[in-house]
Amino acid sequence: MTAAYHIPVMLSESIEALAIDGKGIYVDVTFGGGGHSREILNKITTGNLVVFDKDKDAKSNLIDDKKVHFIPHDFRYIKKYLKYIGLYPVNGILADLGISSHQIDTDDRGFAHRMDGDLDMRMDVNSPLTAAFILNDYEENKLANVFFLYGELKNGRKISKTITAYRRTKNIETVNQLKSVLSNCCPKFEENKFFSKVFQALRIEVNQELEGLKDLLIFGTDSLAPGGRFAIITYHSLEDRIVKQFFNSGNLKNEIIKDAYGKPISTIFPKSKKPILPSQEEIETNPRSRSAKLRIGIKQ
């Protein structure tokens, strides 16, 4: 692994969050460049480390160690695969939900708005859904909802109308083409902020990220042994809200269920109400960490 692939965010904080027992079983569901996994492995003696990543490029960073088990599939199926390989339940799960620096900096993936390239955005290249398909085939209302809900763009309907008007004569296939089409929708002096939200919305829809996160929370919690820890790093309010509410209530409806004595009933509880944030020093060293929030859930 090279630092250019991805600099692990809140490395020491996330490893501390797992409270690693050298004999335990731990899971890094977002292997990427392997930065977090290597630190976990350093603390494991006779235990095991399971790593997930559906991005084929992550395979180049694999760790040659018999204690490491690589699963090249979506982490939303965590329970199924842990049972399949016979490493269930586990003592800790780590998820770093941000896209890697490698994905952002590879122009033919279409993740970043500052470089031209095909509008792909698939983390799993075997998935049939691309950003170009969404832009050219989604009907106007559905497209507007993507930008409004996942990009939190108040002018989502105007964006959708602009795209559907343009595509009547020509498909939108590249990053620069999309930026040109939406130039009149972009607030003055806010180009980076605007297109970051546009691309976030498309990426979330392409990869079904929020639905995948919900599955991870449910099946990941099922996969934890009592006392096991769930450490999740999020990068925007949509993800953080889901994680916060799940750890607080133990369900996706954010409903606090109580027993006859008024005591909350849940299989998981937050270690702290407030998230852990990156230090100022880390933000200066790695600006992509500035929006990160780490939350910890403990299995009962």
Foldseek 3Di string as FASTA:
>chain_A
DDVQFFDDFPQVVLLVLQVDDQAFEEEEADCGLNPNVVVNPVSHDNAAYEYEFLAPVNVVNDDPDPRYHYDNDQLLCVLVVCVVVVNFQGQEYEYEPDDGSNCQPPQQCCLHLVHKHWQALDSRVVQPFGLQCCLQPPDLVVQLCLLCVQLVDPVSSVLSVLSNVVNVVPGDTMSVSSCVSCVVVDPPPCSRSVVNSVSRSSNCVRHVVVVSLQSNLLSSLVRHDAFGKYKYKDQDDSSVVQVLLCQPQVHRVSDFDADPVRHTDHQKHWPDNAWDAGDPVVCVVPVSRHRITMTMIGGD
